[in-house]
PDB file of N, CA and C in Angstrom:
ATOM      1  N   MET A   1       0.605  -1.170  -0.135  1.00  0.00           N
ATOM      2  CA  MET A   1      -0.110   0.190   0.042  1.00  0.00           C
ATOM      3  C   MET A   1       0.910   1.178   0.245  1.00  0.00           C
ATOM      4  N   SER A   2       0.309   2.524  -0.356  1.00  0.00           N
ATOM      5  CA  SER A   2       1.423   3.533  -1.053  1.00  0.00           C
ATOM      6  C   SER A   2       0.882   4.581   0.322  1.00  0.00           C
ATOM      7  N   ASP A   3       1.678   5.432   0.759  1.00  0.00           N
ATOM      8  CA  ASP A   3       1.393   6.254   1.735  1.00  0.00           C
ATOM      9  C   ASP A   3       1.644   7.782   0.800  1.00  0.00           C
ATOM     10  N   VAL A   4       0.540   8.730   0.965  1.00  0.00           N
ATOM     11  CA  VAL A   4       0.392   9.913   0.163  1.00  0.00           C
ATOM     12  C   VAL A   4       0.078  11.138   1.441  1.00  0.00           C
ATOM     13  N   LYS A   5       1.489  11.810   0.951  1.00  0.00           N
ATOM     14  CA  LYS A   5       1.360  13.145   1.830  1.00  0.00           C
ATOM     15  C   LYS A   5       1.345  14.733   1.188  1.00  0.00           C
ATOM     16  N   PHE A   6       0.863  16.017   1.432  1.00  0.00           N
ATOM     17  CA  PHE A   6       0.932  16.765   0.789  1.00  0.00           C
ATOM     18  C   PHE A   6       1.174  18.163   1.355  1.00  0.00           C
ATOM     19  N   SER A   7       1.856  18.915   0.673  1.00  0.00           N
ATOM     20  CA  SER A   7       2.726  20.251   0.748  1.00  0.00           C
ATOM     21  C   SER A   7       1.647  21.199   0.935  1.00  0.00           C
ATOM     22  N   GLU A   8       2.239  22.260   1.738  1.00  0.00           N
ATOM     23  CA  GLU A   8       1.320  23.533   2.066  1.00  0.00           C
ATOM     24  C   GLU A   8       1.332  24.262   0.667  1.00  0.00           C
ATOM     25  N   ASP A   9       2.406  23.883  -0.390  1.00  0.00           N
ATOM     26  CA  ASP A   9       2.333  24.411  -1.965  1.00  0.00           C
ATOM     27  C   ASP A   9       1.516  23.435  -2.349  1.00  0.00           C
ATOM     28  N   HIS A  10       0.725  22.828  -2.121  1.00  0.00           N
ATOM     29  CA  HIS A  10      -0.341  21.597  -2.987  1.00  0.00           C
ATOM     30  C   HIS A  10       0.260  20.688  -3.719  1.00  0.00           C
ATOM     31  N   GLU A  11       1.478  20.320  -2.993  1.00  0.00           N
ATOM     32  CA  GLU A  11       1.917  18.971  -3.896  1.00  0.00           C
ATOM     33  C   GLU A  11       1.760  17.880  -3.451  1.00  0.00           C
ATOM     34  N   TRP A  12       1.698  16.644  -4.169  1.00  0.00           N
ATOM     35  CA  TRP A  12       1.395  15.164  -3.344  1.00  0.00           C
ATOM     36  C   TRP A  12       2.693  14.513  -3.757  1.00  0.00           C
ATOM     37  N   ILE A  13       2.868  13.794  -2.903  1.00  0.00           N
ATOM     38  CA  ILE A  13       4.002  12.763  -2.958  1.00  0.00           C
ATOM     39  C   ILE A  13       3.344  11.391  -2.265  1.00  0.00           C
ATOM     40  N   ARG A  14       3.304  10.620  -3.316  1.00  0.00           N
ATOM     41  CA  ARG A  14       2.588   9.292  -3.236  1.00  0.00           C
ATOM     42  C   ARG A  14       4.143   8.154  -2.876  1.00  0.00           C
ATOM     43  N   VAL A  15       4.523   7.787  -1.577  1.00  0.00           N
ATOM     44  CA  VAL A  15       5.537   7.113  -1.412  1.00  0.00           C
ATOM     45  C   VAL A  15       5.312   5.415  -1.983  1.00  0.00           C
ATOM     46  N   GLU A  16       6.027   4.910  -2.441  1.00  0.00           N
ATOM     47  CA  GLU A  16       6.179   3.362  -2.311  1.00  0.00           C
ATOM     48  C   GLU A  16       7.696   3.108  -2.263  1.00  0.00           C
ATOM     49  N   GLY A  17       8.345   2.233  -1.480  1.00  0.00           N
ATOM     50  CA  GLY A  17       9.833   2.036  -1.099  1.00  0.00           C
ATOM     51  C   GLY A  17      10.205   3.311  -0.676  1.00  0.00           C
ATOM     52  N   ASP A  18      11.266   3.590  -1.194  1.00  0.00           N
ATOM     53  CA  ASP A  18      12.040   4.843  -1.558  1.00  0.00           C
ATOM     54  C   ASP A  18      11.907   5.718  -2.549  1.00  0.00           C
ATOM     55  N   VAL A  19      10.796   5.645  -3.402  1.00  0.00           N
ATOM     56  CA  VAL A  19      10.431   6.004  -4.312  1.00  0.00           C
ATOM     57  C   VAL A  19       9.349   7.014  -3.965  1.00  0.00           C
ATOM     58  N   GLY A  20       8.871   8.377  -4.608  1.00  0.00           N
ATOM     59  CA  GLY A  20       7.972   9.329  -4.609  1.00  0.00           C
ATOM     60  C   GLY A  20       7.406   9.921  -5.689  1.00  0.00           C
ATOM     61  N   THR A  21       6.138   9.693  -5.862  1.00  0.00           N
ATOM     62  CA  THR A  21       5.580   9.746  -7.278  1.00  0.00           C
ATOM     63  C   THR A  21       5.220  11.262  -6.744  1.00  0.00           C
ATOM     64  N   ILE A  22       5.506  12.824  -7.875  1.00  0.00           N
ATOM     65  CA  ILE A  22       4.732  14.182  -7.145  1.00  0.00           C
ATOM     66  C   ILE A  22       3.963  14.526  -7.894  1.00  0.00           C
ATOM     67  N   GLY A  23       2.994  15.084  -7.963  1.00  0.00           N
ATOM     68  CA  GLY A  23       2.064  15.801  -8.545  1.00  0.00           C
ATOM     69  C   GLY A  23       1.384  17.002  -8.030  1.00  0.00           C
ATOM     70  N   ILE A  24       0.351  17.962  -8.555  1.00  0.00           N
ATOM     71  CA  ILE A  24      -0.081  18.536  -8.054  1.00  0.00           C
ATOM     72  C   ILE A  24      -1.241  18.223  -7.412  1.00  0.00           C
ATOM     73  N   THR A  25      -2.196  18.561  -6.255  1.00  0.00           N
ATOM     74  CA  THR A  25      -2.948  18.360  -5.842  1.00  0.00           C
ATOM     75  C   THR A  25      -4.738  18.899  -6.866  1.00  0.00           C
ATOM     76  N   VAL A  26      -6.068  18.173  -6.577  1.00  0.00           N
ATOM     77  CA  VAL A  26      -7.294  18.634  -7.251  1.00  0.00           C
ATOM     78  C   VAL A  26      -7.105  20.122  -6.856  1.00  0.00           C
ATOM     79  N   PHE A  27      -6.899  20.781  -5.605  1.00  0.00           N
ATOM     80  CA  PHE A  27      -7.168  22.039  -5.265  1.00  0.00           C
ATOM     81  C   PHE A  27      -6.139  22.632  -6.347  1.00  0.00           C
ATOM     82  N   ALA A  28      -5.043  22.497  -6.313  1.00  0.00           N
ATOM     83  CA  ALA A  28      -4.280  23.336  -6.770  1.00  0.00           C
ATOM     84  C   ALA A  28      -4.661  23.548  -8.389  1.00  0.00           C
ATOM     85  N   GLN A  29      -4.905  22.197  -8.828  1.00  0.00           N
ATOM     86  CA  GLN A  29      -5.631  21.874 -10.536  1.00  0.00           C
ATOM     87  C   GLN A  29      -6.671  23.310 -10.684  1.00  0.00           C
ATOM     88  N   GLN A  30      -7.641  23.091  -9.485  1.00  0.00           N
ATOM     89  CA  GLN A  30      -8.766  23.878  -9.597  1.00  0.00           C
ATOM     90  C   GLN A  30      -8.570  25.437  -9.660  1.00  0.00           C
ATOM     91  N   GLN A  31      -7.440  26.027  -8.821  1.00  0.00           N
ATOM     92  CA  GLN A  31      -7.138  27.473  -8.651  1.00  0.00           C
ATOM     93  C   GLN A  31      -6.301  27.722  -9.769  1.00  0.00           C
ATOM     94  N   LEU A  32      -5.385  26.609 -10.758  1.00  0.00           N
ATOM     95  CA  LEU A  32      -5.184  26.807 -11.913  1.00  0.00           C
ATOM     96  C   LEU A  32      -6.467  27.262 -12.995  1.00  0.00           C
ATOM     97  N   GLY A  33      -6.998  26.558 -12.970  1.00  0.00           N
ATOM     98  CA  GLY A  33      -7.879  26.173 -14.185  1.00  0.00           C
ATOM     99  C   GLY A  33      -7.337  25.157 -15.284  1.00  0.00           C
ATOM    100  N   ASP A  34      -7.815  25.277 -16.483  1.00  0.00           N
ATOM    101  CA  ASP A  34      -7.411  24.272 -17.670  1.00  0.00           C
ATOM    102  C   ASP A  34      -5.886  24.825 -17.639  1.00  0.00           C
ATOM    103  N   VAL A  35      -5.400  23.538 -17.323  1.00  0.00           N
ATOM    104  CA  VAL A  35      -3.517  23.729 -17.582  1.00  0.00           C
ATOM    105  C   VAL A  35      -3.133  23.227 -18.696  1.00  0.00           C
ATOM    106  N   VAL A  36      -2.442  24.223 -19.807  1.00  0.00           N
ATOM    107  CA  VAL A  36      -2.406  23.938 -21.243  1.00  0.00           C
ATOM    108  C   VAL A  36      -0.882  23.591 -21.683  1.00  0.00           C
ATOM    109  N   TYR A  37       0.278  23.679 -20.523  1.00  0.00           N
ATOM    110  CA  TYR A  37       1.478  23.453 -20.708  1.00  0.00           C
ATOM    111  C   TYR A  37       2.378  22.868 -19.097  1.00  0.00           C
ATOM    112  N   VAL A  38       3.138  21.992 -19.979  1.00  0.00           N
ATOM    113  CA  VAL A  38       3.598  21.447 -18.527  1.00  0.00           C
ATOM    114  C   VAL A  38       5.310  21.301 -18.723  1.00  0.00           C
ATOM    115  N   GLU A  39       6.160  21.695 -18.083  1.00  0.00           N
ATOM    116  CA  GLU A  39       7.627  21.298 -18.420  1.00  0.00           C
ATOM    117  C   GLU A  39       7.784  20.681 -16.615  1.00  0.00           C
ATOM    118  N   VAL A  40       8.738  19.455 -16.950  1.00  0.00           N
ATOM    119  CA  VAL A  40       9.023  18.408 -16.119  1.00  0.00           C
ATOM    120  C   VAL A  40       9.996  18.420 -16.154  1.00  0.00           C
ATOM    121  N   PRO A  41      11.051  18.037 -14.894  1.00  0.00           N
ATOM    122  CA  PRO A  41      12.067  18.020 -14.503  1.00  0.00           C
ATOM    123  C   PRO A  41      12.860  16.738 -15.723  1.00  0.00           C
ATOM    124  N   GLU A  42      14.489  16.577 -15.835  1.00  0.00           N
ATOM    125  CA  GLU A  42      15.077  15.799 -16.813  1.00  0.00           C
ATOM    126  C   GLU A  42      15.553  14.460 -15.253  1.00  0.00           C
ATOM    127  N   VAL A  43      15.261  13.351 -15.411  1.00  0.00           N
ATOM    128  CA  VAL A  43      15.982  12.079 -15.298  1.00  0.00           C
ATOM    129  C   VAL A  43      17.737  12.734 -14.638  1.00  0.00           C
ATOM    130  N   GLY A  44      17.874  12.459 -13.381  1.00  0.00           N
ATOM    131  CA  GLY A  44      18.903  12.670 -12.777  1.00  0.00           C
ATOM    132  C   GLY A  44      18.847  13.930 -12.187  1.00  0.00           C
ATOM    133  N   THR A  45      17.966  14.794 -12.167  1.00  0.00           N
ATOM    134  CA  THR A  45      18.407  16.219 -11.753  1.00  0.00           C
ATOM    135  C   THR A  45      18.067  15.950 -10.196  1.00  0.00           C
ATOM    136  N   SER A  46      19.081  16.642  -9.577  1.00  0.00           N
ATOM    137  CA  SER A  46      19.115  16.560  -7.660  1.00  0.00           C
ATOM    138  C   SER A  46      17.725  17.897  -7.298  1.00  0.00           C
ATOM    139  N   VAL A  47      17.034  17.137  -6.828  1.00  0.00           N
ATOM    140  CA  VAL A  47      15.912  18.402  -6.330  1.00  0.00           C
ATOM    141  C   VAL A  47      15.975  18.668  -4.743  1.00  0.00           C
ATOM    142  N   GLU A  48      15.778  19.755  -4.281  1.00  0.00           N
ATOM    143  CA  GLU A  48      15.855  19.993  -2.640  1.00  0.00           C
ATOM    144  C   GLU A  48      14.689  20.177  -2.106  1.00  0.00           C
ATOM    145  N   LYS A  49      13.968  20.024  -1.123  1.00  0.00           N
ATOM    146  CA  LYS A  49      12.711  20.484  -0.667  1.00  0.00           C
ATOM    147  C   LYS A  49      12.552  21.884  -0.710  1.00  0.00           C
ATOM    148  N   GLY A  50      11.043  22.535  -1.040  1.00  0.00           N
ATOM    149  CA  GLY A  50      11.382  23.484  -1.291  1.00  0.00           C
ATOM    150  C   GLY A  50      11.741  23.960  -2.570  1.00  0.00           C
ATOM    151  N   GLY A  51      12.283  23.328  -3.447  1.00  0.00           N
ATOM    152  CA  GLY A  51      12.924  24.260  -4.613  1.00  0.00           C
ATOM    153  C   GLY A  51      12.049  23.805  -5.850  1.00  0.00           C
ATOM    154  N   GLU A  52      12.345  25.019  -6.798  1.00  0.00           N
ATOM    155  CA  GLU A  52      11.272  24.903  -8.149  1.00  0.00           C
ATOM    156  C   GLU A  52      11.769  23.692  -8.913  1.00  0.00           C
ATOM    157  N   VAL A  53      11.033  22.846  -9.150  1.00  0.00           N
ATOM    158  CA  VAL A  53      11.704  21.601  -9.809  1.00  0.00           C
ATOM    159  C   VAL A  53      10.635  21.312 -11.248  1.00  0.00           C
ATOM    160  N   ALA A  54       9.210  22.175 -11.449  1.00  0.00           N
ATOM    161  CA  ALA A  54       8.549  22.039 -12.632  1.00  0.00           C
ATOM    162  C   ALA A  54       8.156  23.432 -12.960  1.00  0.00           C
ATOM    163  N   VAL A  55       7.637  23.257 -13.956  1.00  0.00           N
ATOM    164  CA  VAL A  55       6.611  24.351 -14.384  1.00  0.00           C
ATOM    165  C   VAL A  55       5.287  24.104 -14.653  1.00  0.00           C
ATOM    166  N   VAL A  56       3.920  24.848 -14.468  1.00  0.00           N
ATOM    167  CA  VAL A  56       2.457  24.266 -15.247  1.00  0.00           C
ATOM    168  C   VAL A  56       2.292  25.852 -15.669  1.00  0.00           C
ATOM    169  N   GLU A  57       1.879  25.839 -16.483  1.00  0.00           N
ATOM    170  CA  GLU A  57       1.000  26.721 -17.002  1.00  0.00           C
ATOM    171  C   GLU A  57      -0.659  26.656 -17.706  1.00  0.00           C
ATOM    172  N   SER A  58      -1.396  27.819 -17.041  1.00  0.00           N
ATOM    173  CA  SER A  58      -2.738  27.133 -17.364  1.00  0.00           C
ATOM    174  C   SER A  58      -3.106  28.724 -18.329  1.00  0.00           C
ATOM    175  N   VAL A  59      -4.872  28.650 -18.511  1.00  0.00           N
ATOM    176  CA  VAL A  59      -4.875  29.902 -19.266  1.00  0.00           C
ATOM    177  C   VAL A  59      -5.264  30.937 -18.325  1.00  0.00           C
ATOM    178  N   LYS A  60      -5.042  30.707 -17.409  1.00  0.00           N
ATOM    179  CA  LYS A  60      -5.123  31.545 -16.059  1.00  0.00           C
ATOM    180  C   LYS A  60      -3.732  32.328 -15.516  1.00  0.00           C
ATOM    181  N   ALA A  61      -2.585  31.300 -15.306  1.00  0.00           N
ATOM    182  CA  ALA A  61      -1.523  31.738 -14.549  1.00  0.00           C
ATOM    183  C   ALA A  61      -0.525  30.670 -15.119  1.00  0.00           C
ATOM    184  N   ALA A  62       0.885  31.091 -14.899  1.00  0.00           N
ATOM    185  CA  ALA A  62       2.240  30.138 -14.907  1.00  0.00           C
ATOM    186  C   ALA A  62       2.372  29.941 -13.268  1.00  0.00           C
ATOM    187  N   SER A  63       2.681  28.677 -12.704  1.00  0.00           N
ATOM    188  CA  SER A  63       3.037  28.487 -11.582  1.00  0.00           C
ATOM    189  C   SER A  63       4.454  27.420 -11.759  1.00  0.00           C
ATOM    190  N   GLU A  64       5.293  27.748  -9.954  1.00  0.00           N
ATOM    191  CA  GLU A  64       6.024  26.434 -10.504  1.00  0.00           C
ATOM    192  C   GLU A  64       5.330  25.508  -9.431  1.00  0.00           C
ATOM    193  N   LEU A  65       5.946  24.407  -9.514  1.00  0.00           N
ATOM    194  CA  LEU A  65       5.865  23.029  -8.877  1.00  0.00           C
ATOM    195  C   LEU A  65       7.214  22.868  -7.777  1.00  0.00           C
ATOM    196  N   PHE A  66       6.929  22.761  -6.486  1.00  0.00           N
ATOM    197  CA  PHE A  66       8.287  23.044  -5.802  1.00  0.00           C
ATOM    198  C   PHE A  66       7.935  21.233  -4.972  1.00  0.00           C
ATOM    199  N   ALA A  67       9.572  21.320  -5.035  1.00  0.00           N
ATOM    200  CA  ALA A  67       9.796  19.537  -4.242  1.00  0.00           C
ATOM    201  C   ALA A  67       9.317  19.685  -2.951  1.00  0.00           C
ATOM    202  N   PRO A  68       8.495  18.668  -2.605  1.00  0.00           N
ATOM    203  CA  PRO A  68       7.788  18.583  -1.349  1.00  0.00           C
ATOM    204  C   PRO A  68       9.122  17.838  -0.356  1.00  0.00           C
ATOM    205  N   ILE A  69      10.393  17.255  -1.032  1.00  0.00           N
ATOM    206  CA  ILE A  69      11.578  16.382  -0.057  1.00  0.00           C
ATOM    207  C   ILE A  69      12.515  16.714  -1.261  1.00  0.00           C
ATOM    208  N   ASP A  70      13.582  16.334  -0.699  1.00  0.00           N
ATOM    209  CA  ASP A  70      14.795  16.028  -1.111  1.00  0.00           C
ATOM    210  C   ASP A  70      14.952  14.908  -1.988  1.00  0.00           C
ATOM    211  N   GLY A  71      16.026  14.489  -3.280  1.00  0.00           N
ATOM    212  CA  GLY A  71      15.918  13.756  -3.641  1.00  0.00           C
ATOM    213  C   GLY A  71      16.319  13.654  -5.487  1.00  0.00           C
ATOM    214  N   GLU A  72      16.628  12.596  -6.297  1.00  0.00           N
ATOM    215  CA  GLU A  72      17.069  12.474  -7.391  1.00  0.00           C
ATOM    216  C   GLU A  72      16.011  12.053  -8.506  1.00  0.00           C
ATOM    217  N   VAL A  73      15.739  12.887  -9.323  1.00  0.00           N
ATOM    218  CA  VAL A  73      14.643  12.785 -10.356  1.00  0.00           C
ATOM    219  C   VAL A  73      15.122  11.551 -11.046  1.00  0.00           C
ATOM    220  N   VAL A  74      14.168  10.084 -10.810  1.00  0.00           N
ATOM    221  CA  VAL A  74      14.397   8.923 -11.604  1.00  0.00           C
ATOM    222  C   VAL A  74      13.282   8.447 -12.597  1.00  0.00           C
ATOM    223  N   GLU A  75      12.625   9.292 -12.727  1.00  0.00           N
ATOM    224  CA  GLU A  75      11.495   9.090 -13.705  1.00  0.00           C
ATOM    225  C   GLU A  75      10.568  10.392 -14.171  1.00  0.00           C
ATOM    226  N   SER A  76      10.357  11.243 -15.326  1.00  0.00           N
ATOM    227  CA  SER A  76       9.685  12.040 -16.071  1.00  0.00           C
ATOM    228  C   SER A  76       8.660  11.727 -16.399  1.00  0.00           C
ATOM    229  N   ASN A  77       7.291  12.326 -16.229  1.00  0.00           N
ATOM    230  CA  ASN A  77       6.139  11.963 -16.986  1.00  0.00           C
ATOM    231  C   ASN A  77       5.861  12.972 -18.255  1.00  0.00           C
ATOM    232  N   SER A  78       7.293  12.339 -18.923  1.00  0.00           N
ATOM    233  CA  SER A  78       7.190  13.042 -20.487  1.00  0.00           C
ATOM    234  C   SER A  78       5.999  13.025 -21.249  1.00  0.00           C
ATOM    235  N   GLY A  79       4.488  12.209 -20.628  1.00  0.00           N
ATOM    236  CA  GLY A  79       3.557  12.231 -21.654  1.00  0.00           C
ATOM    237  C   GLY A  79       2.912  13.639 -21.732  1.00  0.00           C
ATOM    238  N   LEU A  80       3.208  14.471 -20.279  1.00  0.00           N
ATOM    239  CA  LEU A  80       2.276  15.527 -20.370  1.00  0.00           C
ATOM    240  C   LEU A  80       2.604  16.756 -20.712  1.00  0.00           C
ATOM    241  N   ALA A  81       4.339  16.638 -21.622  1.00  0.00           N
ATOM    242  CA  ALA A  81       4.245  17.894 -23.033  1.00  0.00           C
ATOM    243  C   ALA A  81       3.413  17.585 -23.769  1.00  0.00           C
ATOM    244  N   ASP A  82       2.761  16.288 -24.305  1.00  0.00           N
ATOM    245  CA  ASP A  82       2.114  16.210 -25.317  1.00  0.00           C
ATOM    246  C   ASP A  82       0.811  16.269 -25.063  1.00  0.00           C
ATOM    247  N   ASP A  83       0.382  15.861 -23.886  1.00  0.00           N
ATOM    248  CA  ASP A  83      -1.008  15.881 -23.151  1.00  0.00           C
ATOM    249  C   ASP A  83      -0.930  16.379 -21.860  1.00  0.00           C
ATOM    250  N   PRO A  84      -0.948  17.949 -21.409  1.00  0.00           N
ATOM    251  CA  PRO A  84      -1.225  18.432 -20.473  1.00  0.00           C
ATOM    252  C   PRO A  84      -2.228  18.160 -19.891  1.00  0.00           C
ATOM    253  N   ALA A  85      -3.256  17.868 -20.258  1.00  0.00           N
ATOM    254  CA  ALA A  85      -4.641  17.934 -19.897  1.00  0.00           C
ATOM    255  C   ALA A  85      -5.051  16.513 -19.213  1.00  0.00           C
ATOM    256  N   ALA A  86      -3.772  16.233 -19.167  1.00  0.00           N
ATOM    257  CA  ALA A  86      -4.361  14.921 -18.138  1.00  0.00           C
ATOM    258  C   ALA A  86      -4.129  15.357 -16.458  1.00  0.00           C
ATOM    259  N   VAL A  87      -3.441  16.421 -16.537  1.00  0.00           N
ATOM    260  CA  VAL A  87      -3.246  17.403 -14.997  1.00  0.00           C
ATOM    261  C   VAL A  87      -4.950  17.737 -14.793  1.00  0.00           C
ATOM    262  N   ASN A  88      -5.453  18.264 -15.767  1.00  0.00           N
ATOM    263  CA  ASN A  88      -6.959  18.710 -15.669  1.00  0.00           C
ATOM    264  C   ASN A  88      -7.841  17.729 -15.237  1.00  0.00           C
ATOM    265  N   SER A  89      -7.944  16.059 -15.942  1.00  0.00           N
ATOM    266  CA  SER A  89      -8.681  15.060 -15.340  1.00  0.00           C
ATOM    267  C   SER A  89      -8.451  14.232 -14.435  1.00  0.00           C
ATOM    268  N   ASP A  90      -6.912  14.284 -14.228  1.00  0.00           N
ATOM    269  CA  ASP A  90      -6.422  13.324 -13.398  1.00  0.00           C
ATOM    270  C   ASP A  90      -5.340  13.833 -12.569  1.00  0.00           C
ATOM    271  N   PRO A  91      -5.305  14.927 -11.785  1.00  0.00           N
ATOM    272  CA  PRO A  91      -4.158  15.511 -11.277  1.00  0.00           C
ATOM    273  C   PRO A  91      -3.210  14.503 -10.043  1.00  0.00           C
ATOM    274  N   GLU A  92      -4.263  13.806  -9.238  1.00  0.00           N
ATOM    275  CA  GLU A  92      -3.229  13.004  -8.374  1.00  0.00           C
ATOM    276  C   GLU A  92      -3.463  11.519  -8.783  1.00  0.00           C
ATOM    277  N   GLY A  93      -3.658  10.934 -10.245  1.00  0.00           N
ATOM    278  CA  GLY A  93      -3.319  10.140 -10.903  1.00  0.00           C
ATOM    279  C   GLY A  93      -2.364   9.998 -12.127  1.00  0.00           C
ATOM    280  N   GLU A  94      -3.000   9.980 -13.288  1.00  0.00           N
ATOM    281  CA  GLU A  94      -2.272  10.033 -14.313  1.00  0.00           C
ATOM    282  C   GLU A  94      -1.527  11.412 -14.820  1.00  0.00           C
ATOM    283  N   GLY A  95      -1.697  12.245 -13.802  1.00  0.00           N
ATOM    284  CA  GLY A  95      -1.361  13.522 -14.168  1.00  0.00           C
ATOM    285  C   GLY A  95       0.230  13.862 -13.348  1.00  0.00           C
ATOM    286  N   TRP A  96       0.348  13.014 -13.384  1.00  0.00           N
ATOM    287  CA  TRP A  96       1.800  13.058 -12.133  1.00  0.00           C
ATOM    288  C   TRP A  96       2.660  13.592 -13.027  1.00  0.00           C
ATOM    289  N   PHE A  97       3.843  14.267 -12.193  1.00  0.00           N
ATOM    290  CA  PHE A  97       5.097  15.169 -12.510  1.00  0.00           C
ATOM    291  C   PHE A  97       6.155  14.767 -13.102  1.00  0.00           C
ATOM    292  N   PHE A  98       6.385  13.541 -11.709  1.00  0.00           N
ATOM    293  CA  PHE A  98       7.791  13.165 -11.859  1.00  0.00           C
ATOM    294  C   PHE A  98       7.933  12.099 -10.731  1.00  0.00           C
ATOM    295  N   LYS A  99       8.687  11.150 -10.875  1.00  0.00           N
ATOM    296  CA  LYS A  99       9.038  10.689  -9.655  1.00  0.00           C
ATOM    297  C   LYS A  99      10.868  10.954  -8.739  1.00  0.00           C
ATOM    298  N   VAL A 100      11.033  10.843  -7.807  1.00  0.00           N
ATOM    299  CA  VAL A 100      12.213  10.718  -6.819  1.00  0.00           C
ATOM    300  C   VAL A 100      12.514   9.852  -6.221  1.00  0.00           C
ATOM    301  N   LYS A 101      13.690   9.575  -6.254  1.00  0.00           N
ATOM    302  CA  LYS A 101      14.650   8.608  -5.315  1.00  0.00           C
ATOM    303  C   LYS A 101      14.441   9.051  -3.882  1.00  0.00           C
ATOM    304  N   ILE A 102      14.202   8.938  -2.894  1.00  0.00           N
ATOM    305  CA  ILE A 102      14.070   9.783  -1.892  1.00  0.00           C
ATOM    306  C   ILE A 102      15.492   9.569  -1.222  1.00  0.00           C
ATOM    307  N   SER A 103      16.074  11.013  -1.079  1.00  0.00           N
ATOM    308  CA  SER A 103      17.395  11.169   0.145  1.00  0.00           C
ATOM    309  C   SER A 103      17.018  11.079   1.553  1.00  0.00           C
ATOM    310  N   ASP A 104      16.199  12.092   1.974  1.00  0.00           N
ATOM    311  CA  ASP A 104      15.829  11.793   3.259  1.00  0.00           C
ATOM    312  C   ASP A 104      14.510  11.506   3.705  1.00  0.00           C
ATOM    313  N   ALA A 105      14.455  10.131   3.933  1.00  0.00           N
ATOM    314  CA  ALA A 105      12.725  10.094   4.591  1.00  0.00           C
ATOM    315  C   ALA A 105      12.336  10.643   5.736  1.00  0.00           C
ATOM    316  N   GLY A 106      12.999  10.797   6.602  1.00  0.00           N
ATOM    317  CA  GLY A 106      12.681  11.623   7.734  1.00  0.00           C
ATOM    318  C   GLY A 106      11.498  13.140   7.335  1.00  0.00           C
ATOM    319  N   GLN A 107      11.689  13.524   6.002  1.00  0.00           N
ATOM    320  CA  GLN A 107      11.527  15.186   5.350  1.00  0.00           C
ATOM    321  C   GLN A 107       9.957  14.795   5.087  1.00  0.00           C
ATOM    322  N   LEU A 108       9.513  13.400   5.024  1.00  0.00           N
ATOM    323  CA  LEU A 108       7.817  13.140   4.898  1.00  0.00           C
ATOM    324  C   LEU A 108       7.076  13.207   6.240  1.00  0.00           C
ATOM    325  N   ASP A 109       7.744  13.583   7.436  1.00  0.00           N
ATOM    326  CA  ASP A 109       7.453  13.806   8.808  1.00  0.00           C
ATOM    327  C   ASP A 109       6.865  15.196   8.710  1.00  0.00           C
ATOM    328  N   ASP A 110       7.342  15.912   8.223  1.00  0.00           N
ATOM    329  CA  ASP A 110       6.711  17.362   7.679  1.00  0.00           C
ATOM    330  C   ASP A 110       5.898  18.063   7.090  1.00  0.00           C
ATOM    331  N   LEU A 111       5.482  16.676   6.110  1.00  0.00           N
ATOM    332  CA  LEU A 111       3.930  17.067   5.427  1.00  0.00           C
ATOM    333  C   LEU A 111       3.115  16.571   5.828  1.00  0.00           C
ATOM    334  N   MET A 112       1.630  16.470   5.279  1.00  0.00           N
ATOM    335  CA  MET A 112       0.635  16.412   5.900  1.00  0.00           C
ATOM    336  C   MET A 112      -0.127  15.344   5.550  1.00  0.00           C
ATOM    337  N   ASP A 113      -0.987  14.929   6.007  1.00  0.00           N
ATOM    338  CA  ASP A 113      -1.846  13.373   5.574  1.00  0.00           C
ATOM    339  C   ASP A 113      -3.011  14.144   4.953  1.00  0.00           C
ATOM    340  N   GLU A 114      -3.578  13.059   4.341  1.00  0.00           N
ATOM    341  CA  GLU A 114      -4.901  13.732   3.846  1.00  0.00           C
ATOM    342  C   GLU A 114      -5.978  14.784   4.647  1.00  0.00           C
ATOM    343  N   ALA A 115      -6.153  14.385   5.751  1.00  0.00           N
ATOM    344  CA  ALA A 115      -7.224  14.767   6.441  1.00  0.00           C
ATOM    345  C   ALA A 115      -6.624  15.896   6.948  1.00  0.00           C
ATOM    346  N   ALA A 116      -5.371  16.422   7.251  1.00  0.00           N
ATOM    347  CA  ALA A 116      -4.298  17.496   7.374  1.00  0.00           C
ATOM    348  C   ALA A 116      -4.630  18.364   6.654  1.00  0.00           C
ATOM    349  N   TYR A 117      -4.505  17.695   5.568  1.00  0.00           N
ATOM    350  CA  TYR A 117      -4.854  18.544   4.191  1.00  0.00           C
ATOM    351  C   TYR A 117      -5.880  19.120   3.829  1.00  0.00           C
ATOM    352  N   LYS A 118      -7.018  18.213   3.947  1.00  0.00           N
ATOM    353  CA  LYS A 118      -8.290  18.815   3.727  1.00  0.00           C
ATOM    354  C   LYS A 118      -8.511  19.663   4.802  1.00  0.00           C
ATOM    355  N   ALA A 119      -8.356  19.790   5.770  1.00  0.00           N
ATOM    356  CA  ALA A 119      -8.722  21.294   6.797  1.00  0.00           C
ATOM    357  C   ALA A 119      -7.392  22.073   6.175  1.00  0.00           C
ATOM    358  N   PHE A 120      -6.457  22.007   5.997  1.00  0.00           N
ATOM    359  CA  PHE A 120      -5.540  23.086   5.353  1.00  0.00           C
ATOM    360  C   PHE A 120      -6.230  23.779   4.147  1.00  0.00           C
ATOM    361  N   VAL A 121      -6.584  23.038   3.499  1.00  0.00           N
ATOM    362  CA  VAL A 121      -7.391  23.487   2.014  1.00  0.00           C
ATOM    363  C   VAL A 121      -8.736  24.488   2.639  1.00  0.00           C
ATOM    364  N   GLU A 122      -9.285  23.914   3.408  1.00  0.00           N
ATOM    365  CA  GLU A 122     -10.546  25.026   4.090  1.00  0.00           C
ATOM    366  C   GLU A 122     -10.229  26.055   4.810  1.00  0.00           C
ATOM    367  N   THR A 123      -8.763  26.404   5.162  1.00  0.00           N
ATOM    368  CA  THR A 123      -8.542  27.681   5.302  1.00  0.00           C
ATOM    369  C   THR A 123      -8.047  28.465   3.962  1.00  0.00           C
ATOM    370  N   GLN A 124      -8.087  27.759   2.824  1.00  0.00           N
ATOM    371  CA  GLN A 124      -7.237  28.539   2.014  1.00  0.00           C
ATOM    372  C   GLN A 124      -8.496  29.367   1.220  1.00  0.00           C
ATOM    373  N   SER A 125      -9.442  29.345   1.514  1.00  0.00           N
ATOM    374  CA  SER A 125     -10.666  29.839   0.515  1.00  0.00           C
ATOM    375  C   SER A 125     -11.050  31.427   1.144  1.00  0.00           C
TER     376      SER A 125
END
């Protein structure tokens, strides 16, 4: 079973073993509107917690995606370049951005579980 955590920047990370799959939350997608362009990091890129790692552009705005933890990119969802609409239809599934090999699993403790994230989102409106 995988464990999903959420950041205050509205990213999610699904952890399986020492690899985390990262994307934006449904809330973030709703705030952005229709996503029209996505730029994902290259495999081998080192990411730092809080650092910019990807770009999302919608009809409303451009936004950065921040790394919720430290790690190294082991896979990017290159299909998003051709079909950024996957982020609109399934932001927490097929619309994932990249996967990282987690370098400090302790950082996951700083993230929210689903219940805490839902409560956090309620304070955002």
